[in-house]
Structures are given as C-alpha cells and as structure tokens.
Amino acid sequence: MSNAISYDDMAYREFTKKSELDTILNTLIGILEGITLDKKINPSELEELRHWCNYYRKYEKRHPFNQLLPIIDSALEDNILTDEEVQDIFWLAKNLQNSEGFYDYITTSLQRLYGLCHGILADNEVTETEIRNLSEWINENEDLKGCYPYDEIDSLIISVLADGKIDQDEKNILKAFFGEFVNTSRSLNISKTELEELKSKYNIKGICAACPEITIENSTFCLTGCSIFAQREQIKSLIELCGGKFSNTVTKSTDYLVVGADGNPCWAYSCYGRKVEKAVILRKSGHPITIVHENDFWDELLPYAQRKGIDTKVYMKR
C-alpha cells in the first residue's frame, strides 16, 4: 500500500489547521447572524448557505464537516430555516471550535463580523432592517473599537442613519464596503464584478472613527487635508505642548490620523488621498491607527490644553 499523501489529503490538512478551522467556524457563525439579522430568511439566503456547505462538501466524511454539514443539510431540507434550527447550528459551530480557542476574543469577533457582512449580502441586497440591526450589533460589541473594520462600519452606519432616512445610494455604499470582507469565490449570489463597480462609483476608502477615544499625551498625530481651525504648524505646536508628538507622514508608530474638515463635507465615506489610504492599509495589517475627524480631535485637544493652563486662542486661526 502506498504511503503517498494525496492532493485531497494535503488540501484537507490545510483546512483543518487550528487557525483555518476556527476561521471557518467563526465565519459560519457570522453568516448565520447576517442572514437572520432582519428576522426573515428568504430563498436566496438559503441558497447562499447551501452553497457555502457545498464548498466544503468534499470533506464531508472528515472532522468537523462530518458533524457540521449533516445538521445544516437537514435544516435546509424543507427550504425553511427555523429559529430553533439556527440555534442548533450556532451551538454546534461554537462547540466544534478548539477548546483552547486558537484566536483571541478580538480576532474571533472580527471573523464573525466578516461573516456577518457576507450574511447580509447573501441575497445580494442590503435592507433597512439589516442596517438598523447591524447598528445594534455594533453597539453591543464596543470592545472592537480601534480595530479594522469595526470603526469604519460604525462610522458609515452612523452617517447613513443620521437623517433618519436610508436611500439606495446609502445602501449601495454599505454594500460596496461590506463586499471588502466577502470571498466571492465561495458565494453563489454575491457578484465580484458588481462590487468592484460599486467601489469605483462610490470611491470607498478611508473612513473616520465615530466618537473615538483620543489620548493626547505620548500619542503620535498626523494631519491630512486642511483644518478649518488652525494652521498645520499651530496644530503641531499645540500637540507637542500637550505632551503629544506630530508627524508629517503616516508610519507604523502613528496613533491618530486627523482628517481636516475644510473642503471635505462628506467626511464619513470620502477619499482623502494617500495618507488615508496608507493608514487603512496599516490598519488592515493590524496596526491600531485611528482615523479621526478634526471635530473629534479638537473636542479632546482644546479642553486638555486648557486644563494644562495653555492659552489655546493664540494657536487658532484668526
């Protein structure tokens, strides 16, 4: 008998590494949360879940798929997914994870968030109910503040909900951004071409954090764009007097990128150029750079400076 390892065996081993297995299960949990977010599960969402299962069908006789796929198949057999069936799948997926938990809480929660984005797009639509319920999920998971893409999604949703109305453009903006976290090769309904067109149309790039926590002392700040309150050199001096640092470029040591408000009325989801792009790239790779609107920056800096006895008026534009 040959001891050679088949291609299928090697592929299976890749899928069942601790890291990959936990990612698969966390993504599944997120997808289920996404398709049930509006309390309605339509045929397209059922097909998306069935397609997800079929992607791993070749491993159906091996752990953990030999336990996971049968329960999902059984639940989908009548083309109705009840709340009890969803809870059974949740329970099994969580219990199939490594008892030690390969990933920490933050990574696990972010993987669920990626899956949630997939679940919302499962029927290729973003509904008002899904947006409002996602807003609740975001509020319930504030431990993820400062992590990409939690801040970006939080900021987008706050902007979309600000006027109490959600139009089609706003739904498309969210759809384009959610598409950043979906592997379309594992999706039946989500079109990579459509997502690319939406990203191009709406120019989805850097987004400011909503209601960020800002620490001045010992933090490094960088500014992009023009401030409506002060000149760049004045901002630099005031930050340094308060015990912070100022950098002209975005680096791995940058803590905050401040987006100037002058000439940027659509700050929540507009492109501000290469500094924001670099900050987003660094955030994606795990560096905790917070992108903040200058209004939030001044709300923290001015009272902090005044408490230190600094006359802030001399640093402001006249």
C-alpha atoms as a PDB file:
ATOM      1  CA  MET A   1       0.000   0.000   0.000  1.00  0.00           C
ATOM      2  CA  SER A   2       1.373   3.426  -0.955  1.00  0.00           C
ATOM      3  CA  ASN A   3       2.166   5.898   1.804  1.00  0.00           C
ATOM      4  CA  ALA A   4       1.951   8.825  -0.598  1.00  0.00           C
ATOM      5  CA  ILE A   5      -0.207  11.712   0.551  1.00  0.00           C
ATOM      6  CA  SER A   6      -2.904  12.651  -1.960  1.00  0.00           C
ATOM      7  CA  TYR A   7      -3.675  16.198  -3.067  1.00  0.00           C
ATOM      8  CA  ASP A   8      -7.033  15.878  -1.322  1.00  0.00           C
ATOM      9  CA  ASP A   9      -5.293  14.933   1.932  1.00  0.00           C
ATOM     10  CA  MET A  10      -2.991  17.949   1.697  1.00  0.00           C
ATOM     11  CA  ALA A  11      -5.912  20.282   0.958  1.00  0.00           C
ATOM     12  CA  TYR A  12      -7.862  18.825   3.870  1.00  0.00           C
ATOM     13  CA  ARG A  13      -4.917  19.337   6.207  1.00  0.00           C
ATOM     14  CA  GLU A  14      -4.795  22.991   5.183  1.00  0.00           C
ATOM     15  CA  PHE A  15      -8.478  23.358   6.021  1.00  0.00           C
ATOM     16  CA  THR A  16      -8.123  21.687   9.391  1.00  0.00           C
ATOM     17  CA  LYS A  17      -5.228  23.647  10.777  1.00  0.00           C
ATOM     18  CA  LYS A  18      -6.370  25.181  14.052  1.00  0.00           C
ATOM     19  CA  SER A  19      -6.328  28.669  12.584  1.00  0.00           C
ATOM     20  CA  GLU A  20      -8.242  27.734   9.434  1.00  0.00           C
ATOM     21  CA  LEU A  21     -10.811  25.646  11.279  1.00  0.00           C
ATOM     22  CA  ASP A  22     -11.610  28.435  13.733  1.00  0.00           C
ATOM     23  CA  THR A  23     -11.839  30.916  10.865  1.00  0.00           C
ATOM     24  CA  ILE A  24     -14.302  28.656   9.013  1.00  0.00           C
ATOM     25  CA  LEU A  25     -16.489  28.221  12.091  1.00  0.00           C
ATOM     26  CA  ASN A  26     -16.391  31.905  13.076  1.00  0.00           C
ATOM     27  CA  THR A  27     -17.285  32.866   9.506  1.00  0.00           C
ATOM     28  CA  LEU A  28     -20.205  30.423   9.504  1.00  0.00           C
ATOM     29  CA  ILE A  29     -21.497  31.892  12.773  1.00  0.00           C
ATOM     30  CA  GLY A  30     -21.225  35.368  11.246  1.00  0.00           C
ATOM     31  CA  ILE A  31     -23.024  34.316   8.050  1.00  0.00           C
ATOM     32  CA  LEU A  32     -25.880  32.884  10.104  1.00  0.00           C
ATOM     33  CA  GLU A  33     -26.052  36.103  12.123  1.00  0.00           C
ATOM     34  CA  GLY A  34     -26.128  38.072   8.883  1.00  0.00           C
ATOM     35  CA  ILE A  35     -28.908  36.146   7.129  1.00  0.00           C
ATOM     36  CA  THR A  36     -31.055  36.188  10.285  1.00  0.00           C
ATOM     37  CA  LEU A  37     -30.378  39.851  11.087  1.00  0.00           C
ATOM     38  CA  ASP A  38     -33.715  41.055   9.725  1.00  0.00           C
ATOM     39  CA  LYS A  39     -35.626  38.098  11.254  1.00  0.00           C
ATOM     40  CA  LYS A  40     -36.540  36.935   7.734  1.00  0.00           C
ATOM     41  CA  ILE A  41     -34.748  34.265   5.721  1.00  0.00           C
ATOM     42  CA  ASN A  42     -35.524  34.302   2.013  1.00  0.00           C
ATOM     43  CA  PRO A  43     -34.797  31.615  -0.628  1.00  0.00           C
ATOM     44  CA  SER A  44     -31.658  33.410  -1.883  1.00  0.00           C
ATOM     45  CA  GLU A  45     -30.178  33.398   1.619  1.00  0.00           C
ATOM     46  CA  LEU A  46     -30.948  29.692   1.988  1.00  0.00           C
ATOM     47  CA  GLU A  47     -29.209  29.016  -1.321  1.00  0.00           C
ATOM     48  CA  GLU A  48     -26.191  31.033  -0.205  1.00  0.00           C
ATOM     49  CA  LEU A  49     -25.908  28.928   2.959  1.00  0.00           C
ATOM     50  CA  ARG A  50     -26.334  25.725   0.930  1.00  0.00           C
ATOM     51  CA  HIS A  51     -23.616  26.920  -1.465  1.00  0.00           C
ATOM     52  CA  TRP A  52     -21.292  27.573   1.496  1.00  0.00           C
ATOM     53  CA  CYS A  53     -21.831  23.962   2.580  1.00  0.00           C
ATOM     54  CA  ASN A  54     -21.190  22.641  -0.917  1.00  0.00           C
ATOM     55  CA  TYR A  55     -17.834  24.416  -0.986  1.00  0.00           C
ATOM     56  CA  TYR A  56     -16.677  22.052   1.800  1.00  0.00           C
ATOM     57  CA  ARG A  57     -18.652  19.024   0.575  1.00  0.00           C
ATOM     58  CA  LYS A  58     -15.525  17.112  -0.498  1.00  0.00           C
ATOM     59  CA  TYR A  59     -14.571  16.903   3.188  1.00  0.00           C
ATOM     60  CA  GLU A  60     -17.992  15.770   4.406  1.00  0.00           C
ATOM     61  CA  LYS A  61     -16.630  12.495   5.836  1.00  0.00           C
ATOM     62  CA  ARG A  62     -13.968  14.240   7.889  1.00  0.00           C
ATOM     63  CA  HIS A  63     -13.992  16.238  11.103  1.00  0.00           C
ATOM     64  CA  PRO A  64     -15.569  18.755  11.690  1.00  0.00           C
ATOM     65  CA  PHE A  65     -17.523  18.704   8.433  1.00  0.00           C
ATOM     66  CA  ASN A  66     -18.890  15.222   9.151  1.00  0.00           C
ATOM     67  CA  GLN A  67     -20.804  16.761  12.067  1.00  0.00           C
ATOM     68  CA  LEU A  68     -21.462  20.238  10.736  1.00  0.00           C
ATOM     69  CA  LEU A  69     -22.741  19.565   7.214  1.00  0.00           C
ATOM     70  CA  PRO A  70     -25.412  16.951   8.109  1.00  0.00           C
ATOM     71  CA  ILE A  71     -27.132  19.256  10.600  1.00  0.00           C
ATOM     72  CA  ILE A  72     -27.183  22.141   8.099  1.00  0.00           C
ATOM     73  CA  ASP A  73     -28.351  19.847   5.274  1.00  0.00           C
ATOM     74  CA  SER A  74     -31.143  18.529   7.474  1.00  0.00           C
ATOM     75  CA  ALA A  75     -32.220  22.056   8.418  1.00  0.00           C
ATOM     76  CA  LEU A  76     -32.292  23.143   4.761  1.00  0.00           C
ATOM     77  CA  GLU A  77     -34.101  20.042   3.506  1.00  0.00           C
ATOM     78  CA  ASP A  78     -37.567  21.622   3.633  1.00  0.00           C
ATOM     79  CA  ASN A  79     -36.271  25.013   2.419  1.00  0.00           C
ATOM     80  CA  ILE A  80     -37.260  26.570   5.730  1.00  0.00           C
ATOM     81  CA  LEU A  81     -34.742  27.537   8.374  1.00  0.00           C
ATOM     82  CA  THR A  82     -36.420  27.907  11.747  1.00  0.00           C
ATOM     83  CA  ASP A  83     -35.027  29.828  14.696  1.00  0.00           C
ATOM     84  CA  GLU A  84     -34.524  26.548  16.573  1.00  0.00           C
ATOM     85  CA  GLU A  85     -32.533  25.095  13.661  1.00  0.00           C
ATOM     86  CA  VAL A  86     -30.393  28.240  13.507  1.00  0.00           C
ATOM     87  CA  GLN A  87     -29.683  27.992  17.238  1.00  0.00           C
ATOM     88  CA  ASP A  88     -28.732  24.315  16.845  1.00  0.00           C
ATOM     89  CA  ILE A  89     -26.207  25.225  14.135  1.00  0.00           C
ATOM     90  CA  PHE A  90     -24.842  28.085  16.260  1.00  0.00           C
ATOM     91  CA  TRP A  91     -24.422  25.747  19.199  1.00  0.00           C
ATOM     92  CA  LEU A  92     -22.637  23.057  17.188  1.00  0.00           C
ATOM     93  CA  ALA A  93     -20.320  25.510  15.410  1.00  0.00           C
ATOM     94  CA  LYS A  94     -19.257  27.051  18.719  1.00  0.00           C
ATOM     95  CA  ASN A  95     -18.692  23.645  20.321  1.00  0.00           C
ATOM     96  CA  LEU A  96     -16.638  22.376  17.384  1.00  0.00           C
ATOM     97  CA  GLN A  97     -14.090  25.112  17.911  1.00  0.00           C
ATOM     98  CA  ASN A  98     -10.817  24.275  19.635  1.00  0.00           C
ATOM     99  CA  SER A  99     -11.385  24.183  23.364  1.00  0.00           C
ATOM    100  CA  GLU A 100      -8.336  26.400  23.922  1.00  0.00           C
ATOM    101  CA  GLY A 101      -9.596  28.903  21.359  1.00  0.00           C
ATOM    102  CA  PHE A 102      -6.880  29.380  18.758  1.00  0.00           C
ATOM    103  CA  TYR A 103      -7.730  33.040  18.342  1.00  0.00           C
ATOM    104  CA  ASP A 104      -8.243  35.698  20.987  1.00  0.00           C
ATOM    105  CA  TYR A 105     -11.614  37.337  21.572  1.00  0.00           C
ATOM    106  CA  ILE A 106     -10.954  40.299  19.257  1.00  0.00           C
ATOM    107  CA  THR A 107      -9.859  38.167  16.291  1.00  0.00           C
ATOM    108  CA  THR A 108     -12.781  35.780  16.780  1.00  0.00           C
ATOM    109  CA  SER A 109     -15.254  38.675  16.899  1.00  0.00           C
ATOM    110  CA  LEU A 110     -13.782  40.282  13.787  1.00  0.00           C
ATOM    111  CA  GLN A 111     -14.052  36.986  11.893  1.00  0.00           C
ATOM    112  CA  ARG A 112     -17.704  36.875  12.917  1.00  0.00           C
ATOM    113  CA  LEU A 113     -18.099  40.446  11.657  1.00  0.00           C
ATOM    114  CA  TYR A 114     -16.659  39.439   8.264  1.00  0.00           C
ATOM    115  CA  GLY A 115     -19.115  36.539   8.150  1.00  0.00           C
ATOM    116  CA  LEU A 116     -21.923  38.863   9.177  1.00  0.00           C
ATOM    117  CA  CYS A 117     -21.135  41.111   6.203  1.00  0.00           C
ATOM    118  CA  HIS A 118     -21.300  38.008   3.990  1.00  0.00           C
ATOM    119  CA  GLY A 119     -24.639  37.019   5.516  1.00  0.00           C
ATOM    120  CA  ILE A 120     -26.131  40.478   4.949  1.00  0.00           C
ATOM    121  CA  LEU A 121     -25.124  40.307   1.276  1.00  0.00           C
ATOM    122  CA  ALA A 122     -26.264  36.677   0.908  1.00  0.00           C
ATOM    123  CA  ASP A 123     -29.327  37.705  -1.127  1.00  0.00           C
ATOM    124  CA  ASN A 124     -27.365  40.489  -2.848  1.00  0.00           C
ATOM    125  CA  GLU A 125     -29.394  43.167  -1.045  1.00  0.00           C
ATOM    126  CA  VAL A 126     -28.940  45.408   1.988  1.00  0.00           C
ATOM    127  CA  THR A 127     -32.223  46.218   3.726  1.00  0.00           C
ATOM    128  CA  GLU A 128     -33.099  48.959   6.184  1.00  0.00           C
ATOM    129  CA  THR A 129     -33.881  46.400   8.899  1.00  0.00           C
ATOM    130  CA  GLU A 130     -30.472  44.768   8.410  1.00  0.00           C
ATOM    131  CA  ILE A 131     -28.753  48.149   8.689  1.00  0.00           C
ATOM    132  CA  ARG A 132     -30.568  49.072  11.891  1.00  0.00           C
ATOM    133  CA  ASN A 133     -29.979  45.664  13.463  1.00  0.00           C
ATOM    134  CA  LEU A 134     -26.318  45.748  12.438  1.00  0.00           C
ATOM    135  CA  SER A 135     -26.122  49.108  14.222  1.00  0.00           C
ATOM    136  CA  GLU A 136     -27.309  47.333  17.386  1.00  0.00           C
ATOM    137  CA  TRP A 137     -24.677  44.594  16.895  1.00  0.00           C
ATOM    138  CA  ILE A 138     -22.001  47.263  16.538  1.00  0.00           C
ATOM    139  CA  ASN A 139     -23.159  48.988  19.722  1.00  0.00           C
ATOM    140  CA  GLU A 140     -23.120  45.674  21.605  1.00  0.00           C
ATOM    141  CA  ASN A 141     -19.540  44.938  20.530  1.00  0.00           C
ATOM    142  CA  GLU A 142     -17.752  48.144  21.515  1.00  0.00           C
ATOM    143  CA  ASP A 143     -14.740  46.098  22.608  1.00  0.00           C
ATOM    144  CA  LEU A 144     -13.807  46.087  18.911  1.00  0.00           C
ATOM    145  CA  LYS A 145     -13.282  49.861  18.806  1.00  0.00           C
ATOM    146  CA  GLY A 146      -9.964  50.721  17.233  1.00  0.00           C
ATOM    147  CA  CYS A 147      -9.944  47.554  15.115  1.00  0.00           C
ATOM    148  CA  TYR A 148     -10.370  47.472  11.356  1.00  0.00           C
ATOM    149  CA  PRO A 149     -13.119  47.422  10.027  1.00  0.00           C
ATOM    150  CA  TYR A 150     -15.242  47.982  13.164  1.00  0.00           C
ATOM    151  CA  ASP A 151     -14.625  51.751  13.266  1.00  0.00           C
ATOM    152  CA  GLU A 152     -15.234  52.123   9.543  1.00  0.00           C
ATOM    153  CA  ILE A 153     -18.535  50.229   9.618  1.00  0.00           C
ATOM    154  CA  ASP A 154     -19.610  52.075  12.762  1.00  0.00           C
ATOM    155  CA  SER A 155     -18.895  55.430  11.116  1.00  0.00           C
ATOM    156  CA  LEU A 156     -20.690  54.509   7.899  1.00  0.00           C
ATOM    157  CA  ILE A 157     -23.812  53.343   9.712  1.00  0.00           C
ATOM    158  CA  ILE A 158     -23.949  56.466  11.897  1.00  0.00           C
ATOM    159  CA  SER A 159     -23.673  58.602   8.761  1.00  0.00           C
ATOM    160  CA  VAL A 160     -26.344  56.603   6.915  1.00  0.00           C
ATOM    161  CA  LEU A 161     -28.783  56.758   9.838  1.00  0.00           C
ATOM    162  CA  ALA A 162     -28.114  60.417  10.711  1.00  0.00           C
ATOM    163  CA  ASP A 163     -31.071  61.888   8.791  1.00  0.00           C
ATOM    164  CA  GLY A 164     -33.490  59.090   9.658  1.00  0.00           C
ATOM    165  CA  LYS A 165     -33.764  58.031   6.018  1.00  0.00           C
ATOM    166  CA  ILE A 166     -31.862  55.348   4.104  1.00  0.00           C
ATOM    167  CA  ASP A 167     -31.774  55.841   0.342  1.00  0.00           C
ATOM    168  CA  GLN A 168     -30.497  53.477  -2.340  1.00  0.00           C
ATOM    169  CA  ASP A 169     -27.154  55.253  -2.662  1.00  0.00           C
ATOM    170  CA  GLU A 170     -26.508  54.731   1.039  1.00  0.00           C
ATOM    171  CA  LYS A 171     -27.443  51.049   0.754  1.00  0.00           C
ATOM    172  CA  ASN A 172     -25.049  50.727  -2.189  1.00  0.00           C
ATOM    173  CA  ILE A 173     -22.257  52.395  -0.208  1.00  0.00           C
ATOM    174  CA  LEU A 174     -22.697  49.865   2.589  1.00  0.00           C
ATOM    175  CA  LYS A 175     -22.918  47.030   0.077  1.00  0.00           C
ATOM    176  CA  ALA A 176     -19.665  48.136  -1.543  1.00  0.00           C
ATOM    177  CA  PHE A 177     -17.876  48.310   1.800  1.00  0.00           C
ATOM    178  CA  PHE A 178     -19.259  45.016   3.132  1.00  0.00           C
ATOM    179  CA  GLY A 179     -18.042  43.421  -0.086  1.00  0.00           C
ATOM    180  CA  GLU A 180     -14.457  44.091   1.060  1.00  0.00           C
ATOM    181  CA  PHE A 181     -14.802  41.198   3.519  1.00  0.00           C
ATOM    182  CA  VAL A 182     -16.541  38.568   1.382  1.00  0.00           C
ATOM    183  CA  ASN A 183     -14.739  35.837  -0.520  1.00  0.00           C
ATOM    184  CA  THR A 184     -16.914  35.932  -3.634  1.00  0.00           C
ATOM    185  CA  SER A 185     -15.387  32.665  -4.883  1.00  0.00           C
ATOM    186  CA  ARG A 186     -17.292  30.949  -2.055  1.00  0.00           C
ATOM    187  CA  SER A 187     -20.539  32.797  -2.785  1.00  0.00           C
ATOM    188  CA  LEU A 188     -23.450  31.970  -5.075  1.00  0.00           C
ATOM    189  CA  ASN A 189     -25.229  35.322  -5.141  1.00  0.00           C
ATOM    190  CA  ILE A 190     -22.582  37.964  -4.499  1.00  0.00           C
ATOM    191  CA  SER A 191     -21.069  39.303  -7.711  1.00  0.00           C
ATOM    192  CA  LYS A 192     -17.427  40.368  -7.604  1.00  0.00           C
ATOM    193  CA  THR A 193     -17.936  42.438 -10.763  1.00  0.00           C
ATOM    194  CA  GLU A 194     -20.875  44.322  -9.263  1.00  0.00           C
ATOM    195  CA  LEU A 195     -18.961  45.001  -6.052  1.00  0.00           C
ATOM    196  CA  GLU A 196     -15.987  46.360  -7.999  1.00  0.00           C
ATOM    197  CA  GLU A 197     -18.323  48.658  -9.957  1.00  0.00           C
ATOM    198  CA  LEU A 198     -19.893  49.945  -6.739  1.00  0.00           C
ATOM    199  CA  LYS A 199     -16.492  50.519  -5.128  1.00  0.00           C
ATOM    200  CA  SER A 200     -15.426  52.516  -8.163  1.00  0.00           C
ATOM    201  CA  LYS A 201     -18.657  54.524  -8.269  1.00  0.00           C
ATOM    202  CA  TYR A 202     -18.709  55.435  -4.582  1.00  0.00           C
ATOM    203  CA  ASN A 203     -14.948  55.655  -4.039  1.00  0.00           C
ATOM    204  CA  ILE A 204     -14.989  53.634  -0.827  1.00  0.00           C
ATOM    205  CA  LYS A 205     -11.800  54.404   1.065  1.00  0.00           C
ATOM    206  CA  GLY A 206     -10.729  55.887   4.402  1.00  0.00           C
ATOM    207  CA  ILE A 207     -13.413  56.452   6.987  1.00  0.00           C
ATOM    208  CA  CYS A 208     -13.222  58.350  10.251  1.00  0.00           C
ATOM    209  CA  ALA A 209     -13.990  56.615  13.523  1.00  0.00           C
ATOM    210  CA  ALA A 210     -17.250  57.621  15.198  1.00  0.00           C
ATOM    211  CA  CYS A 211     -16.937  59.075  18.721  1.00  0.00           C
ATOM    212  CA  PRO A 212     -13.317  57.907  19.095  1.00  0.00           C
ATOM    213  CA  GLU A 213     -11.407  57.830  22.364  1.00  0.00           C
ATOM    214  CA  ILE A 214      -8.380  60.096  21.894  1.00  0.00           C
ATOM    215  CA  THR A 215      -5.335  60.193  24.171  1.00  0.00           C
ATOM    216  CA  ILE A 216      -3.115  63.217  23.607  1.00  0.00           C
ATOM    217  CA  GLU A 217      -0.071  62.611  25.812  1.00  0.00           C
ATOM    218  CA  ASN A 218       2.569  60.288  24.333  1.00  0.00           C
ATOM    219  CA  SER A 219       0.467  59.729  21.180  1.00  0.00           C
ATOM    220  CA  THR A 220       1.643  60.484  17.638  1.00  0.00           C
ATOM    221  CA  PHE A 221      -0.631  62.507  15.365  1.00  0.00           C
ATOM    222  CA  CYS A 222      -0.572  63.103  11.618  1.00  0.00           C
ATOM    223  CA  LEU A 223      -2.812  65.529   9.721  1.00  0.00           C
ATOM    224  CA  THR A 224      -4.259  65.180   6.237  1.00  0.00           C
ATOM    225  CA  GLY A 225      -6.159  67.888   4.426  1.00  0.00           C
ATOM    226  CA  CYS A 226      -6.745  71.421   5.702  1.00  0.00           C
ATOM    227  CA  SER A 227      -8.061  72.296   9.142  1.00  0.00           C
ATOM    228  CA  ILE A 228     -10.801  74.881   9.491  1.00  0.00           C
ATOM    229  CA  PHE A 229      -9.493  75.882  12.937  1.00  0.00           C
ATOM    230  CA  ALA A 230      -5.701  76.170  12.794  1.00  0.00           C
ATOM    231  CA  GLN A 231      -2.631  76.084  10.575  1.00  0.00           C
ATOM    232  CA  ARG A 232      -0.569  72.904  10.451  1.00  0.00           C
ATOM    233  CA  GLU A 233       2.358  74.443  12.410  1.00  0.00           C
ATOM    234  CA  GLN A 234      -0.022  75.723  15.082  1.00  0.00           C
ATOM    235  CA  ILE A 235      -1.546  72.271  15.444  1.00  0.00           C
ATOM    236  CA  LYS A 236       1.913  70.743  15.706  1.00  0.00           C
ATOM    237  CA  SER A 237       2.961  73.185  18.442  1.00  0.00           C
ATOM    238  CA  LEU A 238      -0.216  72.687  20.456  1.00  0.00           C
ATOM    239  CA  ILE A 239       0.057  68.898  20.308  1.00  0.00           C
ATOM    240  CA  GLU A 240       3.675  68.994  21.443  1.00  0.00           C
ATOM    241  CA  LEU A 241       2.887  71.404  24.303  1.00  0.00           C
ATOM    242  CA  CYS A 242       0.260  68.897  25.461  1.00  0.00           C
ATOM    243  CA  GLY A 243       2.803  66.074  25.525  1.00  0.00           C
ATOM    244  CA  GLY A 244       1.982  64.523  22.180  1.00  0.00           C
ATOM    245  CA  LYS A 245       4.012  64.074  19.011  1.00  0.00           C
ATOM    246  CA  PHE A 246       3.370  65.292  15.471  1.00  0.00           C
ATOM    247  CA  SER A 247       4.426  63.559  12.258  1.00  0.00           C
ATOM    248  CA  ASN A 248       4.139  64.793   8.703  1.00  0.00           C
ATOM    249  CA  THR A 249       3.747  61.250   7.400  1.00  0.00           C
ATOM    250  CA  VAL A 250       1.771  58.142   8.355  1.00  0.00           C
ATOM    251  CA  THR A 251       4.000  55.432   9.804  1.00  0.00           C
ATOM    252  CA  LYS A 252       3.587  52.320  11.939  1.00  0.00           C
ATOM    253  CA  SER A 253       4.098  54.499  15.018  1.00  0.00           C
ATOM    254  CA  THR A 254       1.231  56.855  14.107  1.00  0.00           C
ATOM    255  CA  ASP A 255      -1.619  56.609  16.612  1.00  0.00           C
ATOM    256  CA  TYR A 256      -4.081  59.065  15.025  1.00  0.00           C
ATOM    257  CA  LEU A 257      -4.583  60.381  11.517  1.00  0.00           C
ATOM    258  CA  VAL A 258      -6.626  63.597  11.780  1.00  0.00           C
ATOM    259  CA  VAL A 259      -8.739  64.420   8.731  1.00  0.00           C
ATOM    260  CA  GLY A 260      -9.136  68.171   8.211  1.00  0.00           C
ATOM    261  CA  ALA A 261     -12.727  69.317   7.683  1.00  0.00           C
ATOM    262  CA  ASP A 262     -12.031  72.222   5.321  1.00  0.00           C
ATOM    263  CA  GLY A 263     -13.443  71.319   1.929  1.00  0.00           C
ATOM    264  CA  ASN A 264     -14.473  67.805   2.994  1.00  0.00           C
ATOM    265  CA  PRO A 265     -18.247  67.898   3.649  1.00  0.00           C
ATOM    266  CA  CYS A 266     -18.736  64.164   3.041  1.00  0.00           C
ATOM    267  CA  TRP A 267     -16.079  63.089   5.534  1.00  0.00           C
ATOM    268  CA  ALA A 268     -17.791  59.845   6.525  1.00  0.00           C
ATOM    269  CA  TYR A 269     -17.018  57.993   3.303  1.00  0.00           C
ATOM    270  CA  SER A 270     -14.928  60.178   1.025  1.00  0.00           C
ATOM    271  CA  CYS A 271     -11.398  59.587  -0.203  1.00  0.00           C
ATOM    272  CA  TYR A 272      -8.748  61.905   1.220  1.00  0.00           C
ATOM    273  CA  GLY A 273      -5.719  60.703  -0.674  1.00  0.00           C
ATOM    274  CA  ARG A 274      -2.632  58.700   0.032  1.00  0.00           C
ATOM    275  CA  LYS A 275      -2.298  59.329   3.807  1.00  0.00           C
ATOM    276  CA  VAL A 276      -5.722  57.836   4.490  1.00  0.00           C
ATOM    277  CA  GLU A 277      -5.004  55.025   2.043  1.00  0.00           C
ATOM    278  CA  LYS A 278      -1.750  54.215   3.852  1.00  0.00           C
ATOM    279  CA  ALA A 279      -3.472  54.368   7.255  1.00  0.00           C
ATOM    280  CA  VAL A 280      -6.160  51.950   6.071  1.00  0.00           C
ATOM    281  CA  ILE A 281      -3.522  49.558   4.699  1.00  0.00           C
ATOM    282  CA  LEU A 282      -1.684  49.640   8.028  1.00  0.00           C
ATOM    283  CA  ARG A 283      -4.961  49.088   9.914  1.00  0.00           C
ATOM    284  CA  LYS A 284      -5.717  46.060   7.742  1.00  0.00           C
ATOM    285  CA  SER A 285      -2.333  44.610   8.687  1.00  0.00           C
ATOM    286  CA  GLY A 286      -3.086  45.031  12.384  1.00  0.00           C
ATOM    287  CA  HIS A 287      -1.575  48.412  13.292  1.00  0.00           C
ATOM    288  CA  PRO A 288      -4.050  50.291  15.534  1.00  0.00           C
ATOM    289  CA  ILE A 289      -4.128  53.645  13.744  1.00  0.00           C
ATOM    290  CA  THR A 290      -7.337  55.574  14.414  1.00  0.00           C
ATOM    291  CA  ILE A 291      -8.632  57.829  11.641  1.00  0.00           C
ATOM    292  CA  VAL A 292     -10.470  60.750  13.261  1.00  0.00           C
ATOM    293  CA  HIS A 293     -12.368  63.773  12.032  1.00  0.00           C
ATOM    294  CA  GLU A 294     -10.841  67.012  13.225  1.00  0.00           C
ATOM    295  CA  ASN A 295     -14.007  67.996  15.134  1.00  0.00           C
ATOM    296  CA  ASP A 296     -13.473  64.996  17.441  1.00  0.00           C
ATOM    297  CA  PHE A 297      -9.774  65.851  17.655  1.00  0.00           C
ATOM    298  CA  TRP A 298     -10.427  69.428  18.801  1.00  0.00           C
ATOM    299  CA  ASP A 299     -13.135  68.296  21.233  1.00  0.00           C
ATOM    300  CA  GLU A 300     -10.397  66.397  23.075  1.00  0.00           C
ATOM    301  CA  LEU A 301      -7.348  68.616  22.488  1.00  0.00           C
ATOM    302  CA  LEU A 302      -8.730  72.029  23.485  1.00  0.00           C
ATOM    303  CA  PRO A 303     -10.106  71.068  26.942  1.00  0.00           C
ATOM    304  CA  TYR A 304      -6.944  69.040  27.598  1.00  0.00           C
ATOM    305  CA  ALA A 305      -4.735  72.023  26.712  1.00  0.00           C
ATOM    306  CA  GLN A 306      -6.816  74.398  28.832  1.00  0.00           C
ATOM    307  CA  ARG A 307      -6.537  72.069  31.839  1.00  0.00           C
ATOM    308  CA  LYS A 308      -2.763  72.334  31.438  1.00  0.00           C
ATOM    309  CA  GLY A 309      -3.010  76.143  31.506  1.00  0.00           C
ATOM    310  CA  ILE A 310      -2.250  76.666  27.811  1.00  0.00           C
ATOM    311  CA  ASP A 311      -3.832  79.697  26.093  1.00  0.00           C
ATOM    312  CA  THR A 312      -5.290  77.900  23.061  1.00  0.00           C
ATOM    313  CA  LYS A 313      -6.553  81.096  21.399  1.00  0.00           C
ATOM    314  CA  VAL A 314      -3.096  82.049  20.175  1.00  0.00           C
ATOM    315  CA  TYR A 315      -2.911  78.771  18.211  1.00  0.00           C
ATOM    316  CA  MET A 316      -6.222  79.145  16.409  1.00  0.00           C
ATOM    317  CA  LYS A 317      -6.919  80.780  13.056  1.00  0.00           C
ATOM    318  CA  ARG A 318      -7.945  84.407  13.200  1.00  0.00           C
END
